Amino acid sequence: MKKINLWKMMAVLGFGLACGVAAAHTPLCSCYDNGDGTAECEGGFSDGSSAAGVKISVLDAAGKVVNSGKINANGTYTFKKPNGAYKVLFDAGEGHKIEIPSSKIVE
């Protein structure tokens, strides 16, 4: 009977540790106007892990995707700025999304 309780305890402990690790994996994304008609976004995670391959979308004021791509191996994504108001969506999955309005993207 003690073996069963030990395994249950280990399972609960493992689940608790996994939840703690997941909570420490906060997405980070900042975007800057390059002053040449383009903007660059830098992405990563709070635990230092890479965001390479994370999807980035640029949406116009109506919410239509006008540009999309992925964070590169250097942790950046550069795009041509659309005319008018827009927003950038860093989408690393459920609970790991960041929206940045164009009003916050400055030189």
PDB file of N, CA and C in Angstrom:
ATOM      1  N   MET A   1       0.824  -1.195   0.000  1.00  0.00           N
ATOM      2  CA  MET A   1       0.000   0.000   0.000  1.00  0.00           C
ATOM      3  C   MET A   1       0.866   1.255   0.000  1.00  0.00           C
ATOM      4  N   LYS A   2       2.048   1.180   0.628  1.00  0.00           N
ATOM      5  CA  LYS A   2       2.912   2.347   0.676  1.00  0.00           C
ATOM      6  C   LYS A   2       3.422   2.722  -0.712  1.00  0.00           C
ATOM      7  N   LYS A   3       3.667   1.742  -1.585  1.00  0.00           N
ATOM      8  CA  LYS A   3       4.135   2.033  -2.933  1.00  0.00           C
ATOM      9  C   LYS A   3       3.112   2.865  -3.693  1.00  0.00           C
ATOM     10  N   ILE A   4       1.877   2.544  -3.596  1.00  0.00           N
ATOM     11  CA  ILE A   4       0.823   3.289  -4.287  1.00  0.00           C
ATOM     12  C   ILE A   4       0.807   4.738  -3.800  1.00  0.00           C
ATOM     13  N   ASN A   5       0.864   4.956  -2.519  1.00  0.00           N
ATOM     14  CA  ASN A   5       0.857   6.315  -1.982  1.00  0.00           C
ATOM     15  C   ASN A   5       2.092   7.089  -2.419  1.00  0.00           C
ATOM     16  N   LEU A   6       3.233   6.400  -2.468  1.00  0.00           N
ATOM     17  CA  LEU A   6       4.464   7.044  -2.912  1.00  0.00           C
ATOM     18  C   LEU A   6       4.328   7.484  -4.362  1.00  0.00           C
ATOM     19  N   TRP A   7       3.771   6.624  -5.203  1.00  0.00           N
ATOM     20  CA  TRP A   7       3.588   6.979  -6.612  1.00  0.00           C
ATOM     21  C   TRP A   7       2.604   8.129  -6.768  1.00  0.00           C
ATOM     22  N   LYS A   8       1.554   8.131  -5.986  1.00  0.00           N
ATOM     23  CA  LYS A   8       0.587   9.243  -6.035  1.00  0.00           C
ATOM     24  C   LYS A   8       1.268  10.545  -5.630  1.00  0.00           C
ATOM     25  N   MET A   9       2.071  10.489  -4.575  1.00  0.00           N
ATOM     26  CA  MET A   9       2.779  11.675  -4.108  1.00  0.00           C
ATOM     27  C   MET A   9       3.741  12.183  -5.178  1.00  0.00           C
ATOM     28  N   MET A  10       4.446  11.269  -5.835  1.00  0.00           N
ATOM     29  CA  MET A  10       5.382  11.662  -6.879  1.00  0.00           C
ATOM     30  C   MET A  10       4.643  12.280  -8.067  1.00  0.00           C
ATOM     31  N   ALA A  11       3.486  11.740  -8.407  1.00  0.00           N
ATOM     32  CA  ALA A  11       2.699  12.280  -9.513  1.00  0.00           C
ATOM     33  C   ALA A  11       2.221  13.695  -9.189  1.00  0.00           C
ATOM     34  N   VAL A  12       1.741  13.903  -7.976  1.00  0.00           N
ATOM     35  CA  VAL A  12       1.280  15.234  -7.561  1.00  0.00           C
ATOM     36  C   VAL A  12       2.440  16.220  -7.549  1.00  0.00           C
ATOM     37  N   LEU A  13       3.579  15.811  -7.049  1.00  0.00           N
ATOM     38  CA  LEU A  13       4.766  16.662  -7.014  1.00  0.00           C
ATOM     39  C   LEU A  13       5.204  17.018  -8.435  1.00  0.00           C
ATOM     40  N   GLY A  14       5.225  16.030  -9.320  1.00  0.00           N
ATOM     41  CA  GLY A  14       5.602  16.274 -10.720  1.00  0.00           C
ATOM     42  C   GLY A  14       4.656  17.238 -11.395  1.00  0.00           C
ATOM     43  N   PHE A  15       3.364  17.093 -11.162  1.00  0.00           N
ATOM     44  CA  PHE A  15       2.367  18.005 -11.730  1.00  0.00           C
ATOM     45  C   PHE A  15       2.577  19.417 -11.201  1.00  0.00           C
ATOM     46  N   GLY A  16       2.836  19.536  -9.924  1.00  0.00           N
ATOM     47  CA  GLY A  16       3.069  20.854  -9.322  1.00  0.00           C
ATOM     48  C   GLY A  16       4.299  21.532  -9.901  1.00  0.00           C
ATOM     49  N   LEU A  17       5.353  20.776 -10.109  1.00  0.00           N
ATOM     50  CA  LEU A  17       6.572  21.332 -10.711  1.00  0.00           C
ATOM     51  C   LEU A  17       6.316  21.753 -12.148  1.00  0.00           C
ATOM     52  N   ALA A  18       5.571  20.953 -12.877  1.00  0.00           N
ATOM     53  CA  ALA A  18       5.261  21.301 -14.271  1.00  0.00           C
ATOM     54  C   ALA A  18       4.457  22.589 -14.342  1.00  0.00           C
ATOM     55  N   CYS A  19       3.531  22.786 -13.435  1.00  0.00           N
ATOM     56  CA  CYS A  19       2.744  24.020 -13.410  1.00  0.00           C
ATOM     57  C   CYS A  19       3.632  25.217 -13.092  1.00  0.00           C
ATOM     58  N   GLY A  20       4.566  25.046 -12.196  1.00  0.00           N
ATOM     59  CA  GLY A  20       5.479  26.138 -11.847  1.00  0.00           C
ATOM     60  C   GLY A  20       6.356  26.525 -13.015  1.00  0.00           C
ATOM     61  N   VAL A  21       6.815  25.549 -13.782  1.00  0.00           N
ATOM     62  CA  VAL A  21       7.636  25.831 -14.957  1.00  0.00           C
ATOM     63  C   VAL A  21       6.808  26.532 -16.015  1.00  0.00           C
ATOM     64  N   ALA A  22       5.574  26.099 -16.221  1.00  0.00           N
ATOM     65  CA  ALA A  22       4.713  26.727 -17.223  1.00  0.00           C
ATOM     66  C   ALA A  22       4.444  28.183 -16.868  1.00  0.00           C
ATOM     67  N   ALA A  23       4.263  28.480 -15.617  1.00  0.00           N
ATOM     68  CA  ALA A  23       3.976  29.846 -15.196  1.00  0.00           C
ATOM     69  C   ALA A  23       5.179  30.751 -15.383  1.00  0.00           C
ATOM     70  N   ALA A  24       6.377  30.192 -15.407  1.00  0.00           N
ATOM     71  CA  ALA A  24       7.588  30.994 -15.546  1.00  0.00           C
ATOM     72  C   ALA A  24       7.940  31.235 -17.008  1.00  0.00           C
ATOM     73  N   HIS A  25       7.114  30.829 -17.927  1.00  0.00           N
ATOM     74  CA  HIS A  25       7.373  30.913 -19.361  1.00  0.00           C
ATOM     75  C   HIS A  25       6.491  32.006 -19.975  1.00  0.00           C
ATOM     76  N   THR A  26       6.670  33.242 -19.536  1.00  0.00           N
ATOM     77  CA  THR A  26       5.865  34.362 -19.996  1.00  0.00           C
ATOM     78  C   THR A  26       6.410  34.895 -21.321  1.00  0.00           C
ATOM     79  N   PRO A  27       5.519  35.146 -22.307  1.00  0.00           N
ATOM     80  CA  PRO A  27       5.997  35.690 -23.576  1.00  0.00           C
ATOM     81  C   PRO A  27       6.380  37.160 -23.439  1.00  0.00           C
ATOM     82  N   LEU A  28       7.401  37.568 -24.212  1.00  0.00           N
ATOM     83  CA  LEU A  28       7.853  38.957 -24.246  1.00  0.00           C
ATOM     84  C   LEU A  28       7.958  39.374 -25.703  1.00  0.00           C
ATOM     85  N   CYS A  29       7.469  40.563 -26.029  1.00  0.00           N
ATOM     86  CA  CYS A  29       7.574  41.066 -27.395  1.00  0.00           C
ATOM     87  C   CYS A  29       7.561  42.588 -27.362  1.00  0.00           C
ATOM     88  N   SER A  30       8.507  43.198 -28.066  1.00  0.00           N
ATOM     89  CA  SER A  30       8.584  44.648 -28.204  1.00  0.00           C
ATOM     90  C   SER A  30       8.809  44.958 -29.674  1.00  0.00           C
ATOM     91  N   CYS A  31       8.188  46.045 -30.152  1.00  0.00           N
ATOM     92  CA  CYS A  31       8.337  46.445 -31.542  1.00  0.00           C
ATOM     93  C   CYS A  31       8.808  47.891 -31.613  1.00  0.00           C
ATOM     94  N   TYR A  32       9.626  48.176 -32.631  1.00  0.00           N
ATOM     95  CA  TYR A  32      10.210  49.506 -32.808  1.00  0.00           C
ATOM     96  C   TYR A  32      10.088  49.935 -34.259  1.00  0.00           C
ATOM     97  N   ASP A  33       9.813  51.226 -34.477  1.00  0.00           N
ATOM     98  CA  ASP A  33       9.783  51.817 -35.804  1.00  0.00           C
ATOM     99  C   ASP A  33      11.224  52.062 -36.230  1.00  0.00           C
ATOM    100  N   ASN A  34      11.636  51.546 -37.382  1.00  0.00           N
ATOM    101  CA  ASN A  34      13.007  51.721 -37.859  1.00  0.00           C
ATOM    102  C   ASN A  34      13.236  53.072 -38.528  1.00  0.00           C
ATOM    103  N   GLY A  35      12.171  53.841 -38.763  1.00  0.00           N
ATOM    104  CA  GLY A  35      12.308  55.154 -39.381  1.00  0.00           C
ATOM    105  C   GLY A  35      12.478  55.108 -40.890  1.00  0.00           C
ATOM    106  N   ASP A  36      12.355  53.928 -41.480  1.00  0.00           N
ATOM    107  CA  ASP A  36      12.520  53.792 -42.930  1.00  0.00           C
ATOM    108  C   ASP A  36      11.316  53.122 -43.590  1.00  0.00           C
ATOM    109  N   GLY A  37      10.162  53.186 -42.922  1.00  0.00           N
ATOM    110  CA  GLY A  37       8.955  52.541 -43.441  1.00  0.00           C
ATOM    111  C   GLY A  37       8.798  51.106 -42.974  1.00  0.00           C
ATOM    112  N   THR A  38       9.742  50.637 -42.141  1.00  0.00           N
ATOM    113  CA  THR A  38       9.642  49.288 -41.597  1.00  0.00           C
ATOM    114  C   THR A  38       9.631  49.347 -40.076  1.00  0.00           C
ATOM    115  N   ALA A  39       9.209  48.270 -39.480  1.00  0.00           N
ATOM    116  CA  ALA A  39       9.245  48.115 -38.017  1.00  0.00           C
ATOM    117  C   ALA A  39       9.849  46.749 -37.730  1.00  0.00           C
ATOM    118  N   GLU A  40      10.424  46.624 -36.549  1.00  0.00           N
ATOM    119  CA  GLU A  40      11.037  45.357 -36.143  1.00  0.00           C
ATOM    120  C   GLU A  40      10.516  44.967 -34.774  1.00  0.00           C
ATOM    121  N   CYS A  41      10.180  43.704 -34.639  1.00  0.00           N
ATOM    122  CA  CYS A  41       9.721  43.178 -33.355  1.00  0.00           C
ATOM    123  C   CYS A  41      10.754  42.185 -32.840  1.00  0.00           C
ATOM    124  N   GLU A  42      10.979  42.227 -31.531  1.00  0.00           N
ATOM    125  CA  GLU A  42      11.858  41.280 -30.859  1.00  0.00           C
ATOM    126  C   GLU A  42      10.998  40.445 -29.927  1.00  0.00           C
ATOM    127  N   GLY A  43      11.153  39.142 -29.988  1.00  0.00           N
ATOM    128  CA  GLY A  43      10.351  38.270 -29.147  1.00  0.00           C
ATOM    129  C   GLY A  43      11.184  37.235 -28.425  1.00  0.00           C
ATOM    130  N   GLY A  44      10.673  36.788 -27.296  1.00  0.00           N
ATOM    131  CA  GLY A  44      11.320  35.762 -26.499  1.00  0.00           C
ATOM    132  C   GLY A  44      10.426  35.365 -25.347  1.00  0.00           C
ATOM    133  N   PHE A  45      11.000  34.692 -24.370  1.00  0.00           N
ATOM    134  CA  PHE A  45      10.248  34.269 -23.195  1.00  0.00           C
ATOM    135  C   PHE A  45      11.022  34.629 -21.938  1.00  0.00           C
ATOM    136  N   SER A  46      10.302  34.851 -20.869  1.00  0.00           N
ATOM    137  CA  SER A  46      10.891  35.313 -19.615  1.00  0.00           C
ATOM    138  C   SER A  46      11.903  34.341 -19.017  1.00  0.00           C
ATOM    139  N   ASP A  47      11.827  33.077 -19.390  1.00  0.00           N
ATOM    140  CA  ASP A  47      12.788  32.101 -18.867  1.00  0.00           C
ATOM    141  C   ASP A  47      14.050  32.025 -19.730  1.00  0.00           C
ATOM    142  N   GLY A  48      14.155  32.928 -20.720  1.00  0.00           N
ATOM    143  CA  GLY A  48      15.325  32.987 -21.576  1.00  0.00           C
ATOM    144  C   GLY A  48      15.239  32.111 -22.813  1.00  0.00           C
ATOM    145  N   SER A  49      14.158  31.354 -22.958  1.00  0.00           N
ATOM    146  CA  SER A  49      14.057  30.490 -24.134  1.00  0.00           C
ATOM    147  C   SER A  49      13.734  31.290 -25.385  1.00  0.00           C
ATOM    148  N   SER A  50      14.118  30.750 -26.512  1.00  0.00           N
ATOM    149  CA  SER A  50      13.968  31.399 -27.804  1.00  0.00           C
ATOM    150  C   SER A  50      12.510  31.399 -28.267  1.00  0.00           C
ATOM    151  N   ALA A  51      12.156  32.448 -29.016  1.00  0.00           N
ATOM    152  CA  ALA A  51      10.835  32.514 -29.634  1.00  0.00           C
ATOM    153  C   ALA A  51      10.939  32.225 -31.129  1.00  0.00           C
ATOM    154  N   ALA A  52      12.081  31.725 -31.593  1.00  0.00           N
ATOM    155  CA  ALA A  52      12.253  31.407 -33.008  1.00  0.00           C
ATOM    156  C   ALA A  52      11.122  30.504 -33.474  1.00  0.00           C
ATOM    157  N   GLY A  53      10.491  30.884 -34.569  1.00  0.00           N
ATOM    158  CA  GLY A  53       9.379  30.109 -35.114  1.00  0.00           C
ATOM    159  C   GLY A  53       8.011  30.551 -34.646  1.00  0.00           C
ATOM    160  N   VAL A  54       7.950  31.469 -33.669  1.00  0.00           N
ATOM    161  CA  VAL A  54       6.659  31.952 -33.186  1.00  0.00           C
ATOM    162  C   VAL A  54       6.029  32.836 -34.264  1.00  0.00           C
ATOM    163  N   LYS A  55       4.751  32.640 -34.503  1.00  0.00           N
ATOM    164  CA  LYS A  55       4.032  33.378 -35.542  1.00  0.00           C
ATOM    165  C   LYS A  55       3.808  34.836 -35.133  1.00  0.00           C
ATOM    166  N   ILE A  56       4.023  35.731 -36.101  1.00  0.00           N
ATOM    167  CA  ILE A  56       3.749  37.158 -35.939  1.00  0.00           C
ATOM    168  C   ILE A  56       2.796  37.556 -37.057  1.00  0.00           C
ATOM    169  N   SER A  57       1.742  38.281 -36.725  1.00  0.00           N
ATOM    170  CA  SER A  57       0.814  38.794 -37.729  1.00  0.00           C
ATOM    171  C   SER A  57       0.671  40.291 -37.551  1.00  0.00           C
ATOM    172  N   VAL A  58       0.559  40.995 -38.676  1.00  0.00           N
ATOM    173  CA  VAL A  58       0.293  42.432 -38.681  1.00  0.00           C
ATOM    174  C   VAL A  58      -1.120  42.585 -39.212  1.00  0.00           C
ATOM    175  N   LEU A  59      -1.985  43.208 -38.400  1.00  0.00           N
ATOM    176  CA  LEU A  59      -3.390  43.361 -38.761  1.00  0.00           C
ATOM    177  C   LEU A  59      -3.734  44.828 -38.953  1.00  0.00           C
ATOM    178  N   ASP A  60      -4.553  45.130 -39.960  1.00  0.00           N
ATOM    179  CA  ASP A  60      -4.981  46.512 -40.168  1.00  0.00           C
ATOM    180  C   ASP A  60      -6.068  46.867 -39.160  1.00  0.00           C
ATOM    181  N   ALA A  61      -6.588  48.098 -39.263  1.00  0.00           N
ATOM    182  CA  ALA A  61      -7.587  48.576 -38.294  1.00  0.00           C
ATOM    183  C   ALA A  61      -8.852  47.728 -38.282  1.00  0.00           C
ATOM    184  N   ALA A  62      -9.155  47.067 -39.393  1.00  0.00           N
ATOM    185  CA  ALA A  62     -10.346  46.220 -39.482  1.00  0.00           C
ATOM    186  C   ALA A  62     -10.074  44.801 -38.974  1.00  0.00           C
ATOM    187  N   GLY A  63      -8.821  44.498 -38.625  1.00  0.00           N
ATOM    188  CA  GLY A  63      -8.481  43.173 -38.126  1.00  0.00           C
ATOM    189  C   GLY A  63      -8.045  42.201 -39.206  1.00  0.00           C
ATOM    190  N   LYS A  64      -7.880  42.697 -40.438  1.00  0.00           N
ATOM    191  CA  LYS A  64      -7.448  41.853 -41.556  1.00  0.00           C
ATOM    192  C   LYS A  64      -5.933  41.703 -41.523  1.00  0.00           C
ATOM    193  N   VAL A  65      -5.452  40.465 -41.700  1.00  0.00           N
ATOM    194  CA  VAL A  65      -4.013  40.210 -41.719  1.00  0.00           C
ATOM    195  C   VAL A  65      -3.444  40.786 -43.015  1.00  0.00           C
ATOM    196  N   VAL A  66      -2.480  41.711 -42.865  1.00  0.00           N
ATOM    197  CA  VAL A  66      -1.846  42.328 -44.029  1.00  0.00           C
ATOM    198  C   VAL A  66      -0.394  41.869 -44.190  1.00  0.00           C
ATOM    199  N   ASN A  67       0.154  41.212 -43.199  1.00  0.00           N
ATOM    200  CA  ASN A  67       1.516  40.709 -43.247  1.00  0.00           C
ATOM    201  C   ASN A  67       1.648  39.654 -42.156  1.00  0.00           C
ATOM    202  N   SER A  68       2.387  38.608 -42.420  1.00  0.00           N
ATOM    203  CA  SER A  68       2.622  37.613 -41.376  1.00  0.00           C
ATOM    204  C   SER A  68       3.929  36.884 -41.647  1.00  0.00           C
ATOM    205  N   GLY A  69       4.470  36.317 -40.609  1.00  0.00           N
ATOM    206  CA  GLY A  69       5.719  35.578 -40.702  1.00  0.00           C
ATOM    207  C   GLY A  69       6.025  34.947 -39.361  1.00  0.00           C
ATOM    208  N   LYS A  70       7.303  34.676 -39.144  1.00  0.00           N
ATOM    209  CA  LYS A  70       7.725  34.042 -37.891  1.00  0.00           C
ATOM    210  C   LYS A  70       8.967  34.733 -37.352  1.00  0.00           C
ATOM    211  N   ILE A  71       9.110  34.684 -36.040  1.00  0.00           N
ATOM    212  CA  ILE A  71      10.323  35.189 -35.394  1.00  0.00           C
ATOM    213  C   ILE A  71      11.496  34.349 -35.920  1.00  0.00           C
ATOM    214  N   ASN A  72      12.572  35.027 -36.321  1.00  0.00           N
ATOM    215  CA  ASN A  72      13.724  34.301 -36.866  1.00  0.00           C
ATOM    216  C   ASN A  72      14.647  33.794 -35.754  1.00  0.00           C
ATOM    217  N   ALA A  73      15.732  33.171 -36.140  1.00  0.00           N
ATOM    218  CA  ALA A  73      16.674  32.582 -35.176  1.00  0.00           C
ATOM    219  C   ALA A  73      17.331  33.628 -34.280  1.00  0.00           C
ATOM    220  N   ASN A  74      17.358  34.885 -34.729  1.00  0.00           N
ATOM    221  CA  ASN A  74      17.914  35.979 -33.925  1.00  0.00           C
ATOM    222  C   ASN A  74      16.882  36.595 -32.987  1.00  0.00           C
ATOM    223  N   GLY A  75      15.648  36.081 -33.025  1.00  0.00           N
ATOM    224  CA  GLY A  75      14.594  36.580 -32.144  1.00  0.00           C
ATOM    225  C   GLY A  75      13.890  37.814 -32.657  1.00  0.00           C
ATOM    226  N   THR A  76      13.979  38.085 -33.998  1.00  0.00           N
ATOM    227  CA  THR A  76      13.357  39.288 -34.546  1.00  0.00           C
ATOM    228  C   THR A  76      12.472  38.980 -35.746  1.00  0.00           C
ATOM    229  N   TYR A  77      11.621  39.944 -36.075  1.00  0.00           N
ATOM    230  CA  TYR A  77      10.776  39.898 -37.266  1.00  0.00           C
ATOM    231  C   TYR A  77      10.634  41.335 -37.754  1.00  0.00           C
ATOM    232  N   THR A  78      10.998  41.586 -39.012  1.00  0.00           N
ATOM    233  CA  THR A  78      10.920  42.921 -39.599  1.00  0.00           C
ATOM    234  C   THR A  78       9.836  42.920 -40.672  1.00  0.00           C
ATOM    235  N   PHE A  79       9.053  44.001 -40.722  1.00  0.00           N
ATOM    236  CA  PHE A  79       7.966  44.090 -41.700  1.00  0.00           C
ATOM    237  C   PHE A  79       7.791  45.525 -42.184  1.00  0.00           C
ATOM    238  N   LYS A  80       7.197  45.649 -43.379  1.00  0.00           N
ATOM    239  CA  LYS A  80       6.853  46.959 -43.917  1.00  0.00           C
ATOM    240  C   LYS A  80       5.596  47.430 -43.203  1.00  0.00           C
ATOM    241  N   LYS A  81       5.644  48.668 -42.689  1.00  0.00           N
ATOM    242  CA  LYS A  81       4.492  49.186 -41.944  1.00  0.00           C
ATOM    243  C   LYS A  81       3.344  49.492 -42.907  1.00  0.00           C
ATOM    244  N   PRO A  82       2.142  49.049 -42.569  1.00  0.00           N
ATOM    245  CA  PRO A  82       0.987  49.390 -43.398  1.00  0.00           C
ATOM    246  C   PRO A  82       0.568  50.846 -43.147  1.00  0.00           C
ATOM    247  N   ASN A  83      -0.180  51.404 -44.084  1.00  0.00           N
ATOM    248  CA  ASN A  83      -0.720  52.754 -43.888  1.00  0.00           C
ATOM    249  C   ASN A  83      -1.814  52.714 -42.837  1.00  0.00           C
ATOM    250  N   GLY A  84      -1.914  53.759 -42.038  1.00  0.00           N
ATOM    251  CA  GLY A  84      -2.953  53.838 -41.021  1.00  0.00           C
ATOM    252  C   GLY A  84      -2.638  53.034 -39.780  1.00  0.00           C
ATOM    253  N   ALA A  85      -3.643  52.936 -38.929  1.00  0.00           N
ATOM    254  CA  ALA A  85      -3.498  52.205 -37.663  1.00  0.00           C
ATOM    255  C   ALA A  85      -3.416  50.700 -37.935  1.00  0.00           C
ATOM    256  N   TYR A  86      -2.614  50.028 -37.142  1.00  0.00           N
ATOM    257  CA  TYR A  86      -2.468  48.579 -37.247  1.00  0.00           C
ATOM    258  C   TYR A  86      -2.069  48.032 -35.880  1.00  0.00           C
ATOM    259  N   LYS A  87      -2.009  46.725 -35.782  1.00  0.00           N
ATOM    260  CA  LYS A  87      -1.497  46.102 -34.557  1.00  0.00           C
ATOM    261  C   LYS A  87      -0.709  44.869 -34.934  1.00  0.00           C
ATOM    262  N   VAL A  88       0.212  44.500 -34.057  1.00  0.00           N
ATOM    263  CA  VAL A  88       1.042  43.314 -34.236  1.00  0.00           C
ATOM    264  C   VAL A  88       0.579  42.271 -33.228  1.00  0.00           C
ATOM    265  N   LEU A  89       0.416  41.050 -33.680  1.00  0.00           N
ATOM    266  CA  LEU A  89       0.018  39.943 -32.807  1.00  0.00           C
ATOM    267  C   LEU A  89       1.155  38.926 -32.759  1.00  0.00           C
ATOM    268  N   PHE A  90       1.749  38.770 -31.573  1.00  0.00           N
ATOM    269  CA  PHE A  90       2.758  37.743 -31.281  1.00  0.00           C
ATOM    270  C   PHE A  90       1.954  36.572 -30.749  1.00  0.00           C
ATOM    271  N   ASP A  91       1.950  35.446 -31.464  1.00  0.00           N
ATOM    272  CA  ASP A  91       1.075  34.330 -31.112  1.00  0.00           C
ATOM    273  C   ASP A  91       1.864  33.044 -30.871  1.00  0.00           C
ATOM    274  N   ALA A  92       2.213  32.814 -29.606  1.00  0.00           N
ATOM    275  CA  ALA A  92       2.933  31.601 -29.227  1.00  0.00           C
ATOM    276  C   ALA A  92       1.988  30.552 -28.647  1.00  0.00           C
ATOM    277  N   GLY A  93       0.690  30.699 -28.909  1.00  0.00           N
ATOM    278  CA  GLY A  93      -0.290  29.726 -28.428  1.00  0.00           C
ATOM    279  C   GLY A  93      -1.156  30.288 -27.313  1.00  0.00           C
ATOM    280  N   GLU A  94      -2.146  29.515 -26.932  1.00  0.00           N
ATOM    281  CA  GLU A  94      -3.103  29.938 -25.904  1.00  0.00           C
ATOM    282  C   GLU A  94      -2.393  30.381 -24.626  1.00  0.00           C
ATOM    283  N   GLY A  95      -2.741  31.587 -24.168  1.00  0.00           N
ATOM    284  CA  GLY A  95      -2.136  32.132 -22.959  1.00  0.00           C
ATOM    285  C   GLY A  95      -0.773  32.764 -23.200  1.00  0.00           C
ATOM    286  N   HIS A  96      -0.318  32.741 -24.451  1.00  0.00           N
ATOM    287  CA  HIS A  96       0.989  33.282 -24.806  1.00  0.00           C
ATOM    288  C   HIS A  96       0.879  34.215 -26.019  1.00  0.00           C
ATOM    289  N   LYS A  97      -0.123  35.082 -25.996  1.00  0.00           N
ATOM    290  CA  LYS A  97      -0.350  36.025 -27.081  1.00  0.00           C
ATOM    291  C   LYS A  97      -0.158  37.450 -26.574  1.00  0.00           C
ATOM    292  N   ILE A  98       0.455  38.268 -27.422  1.00  0.00           N
ATOM    293  CA  ILE A  98       0.645  39.677 -27.097  1.00  0.00           C
ATOM    294  C   ILE A  98       0.199  40.497 -28.301  1.00  0.00           C
ATOM    295  N   GLU A  99      -0.620  41.513 -28.058  1.00  0.00           N
ATOM    296  CA  GLU A  99      -1.034  42.448 -29.106  1.00  0.00           C
ATOM    297  C   GLU A  99      -0.380  43.792 -28.828  1.00  0.00           C
ATOM    298  N   ILE A 100       0.244  44.373 -29.854  1.00  0.00           N
ATOM    299  CA  ILE A 100       0.897  45.665 -29.727  1.00  0.00           C
ATOM    300  C   ILE A 100       0.282  46.613 -30.749  1.00  0.00           C
ATOM    301  N   PRO A 101      -0.430  47.659 -30.308  1.00  0.00           N
ATOM    302  CA  PRO A 101      -1.009  48.624 -31.252  1.00  0.00           C
ATOM    303  C   PRO A 101       0.084  49.496 -31.863  1.00  0.00           C
ATOM    304  N   SER A 102      -0.162  49.963 -33.098  1.00  0.00           N
ATOM    305  CA  SER A 102       0.841  50.783 -33.793  1.00  0.00           C
ATOM    306  C   SER A 102       1.160  52.065 -33.025  1.00  0.00           C
ATOM    307  N   SER A 103       0.236  52.545 -32.222  1.00  0.00           N
ATOM    308  CA  SER A 103       0.488  53.760 -31.435  1.00  0.00           C
ATOM    309  C   SER A 103       1.611  53.567 -30.415  1.00  0.00           C
ATOM    310  N   LYS A 104       1.938  52.317 -30.091  1.00  0.00           N
ATOM    311  CA  LYS A 104       3.005  52.006 -29.130  1.00  0.00           C
ATOM    312  C   LYS A 104       4.325  51.655 -29.838  1.00  0.00           C
ATOM    313  N   ILE A 105       4.323  51.643 -31.174  1.00  0.00           N
ATOM    314  CA  ILE A 105       5.519  51.304 -31.941  1.00  0.00           C
ATOM    315  C   ILE A 105       6.157  52.606 -32.417  1.00  0.00           C
ATOM    316  N   VAL A 106       7.186  53.030 -31.719  1.00  0.00           N
ATOM    317  CA  VAL A 106       7.831  54.313 -32.004  1.00  0.00           C
ATOM    318  C   VAL A 106       9.327  54.128 -32.235  1.00  0.00           C
ATOM    319  N   GLU A 107       9.952  55.171 -32.831  1.00  0.00           N
ATOM    320  CA  GLU A 107      11.396  55.133 -33.087  1.00  0.00           C
ATOM    321  C   GLU A 107      12.169  55.176 -31.801  1.00  0.00           C
TER     322      GLU A 107
END
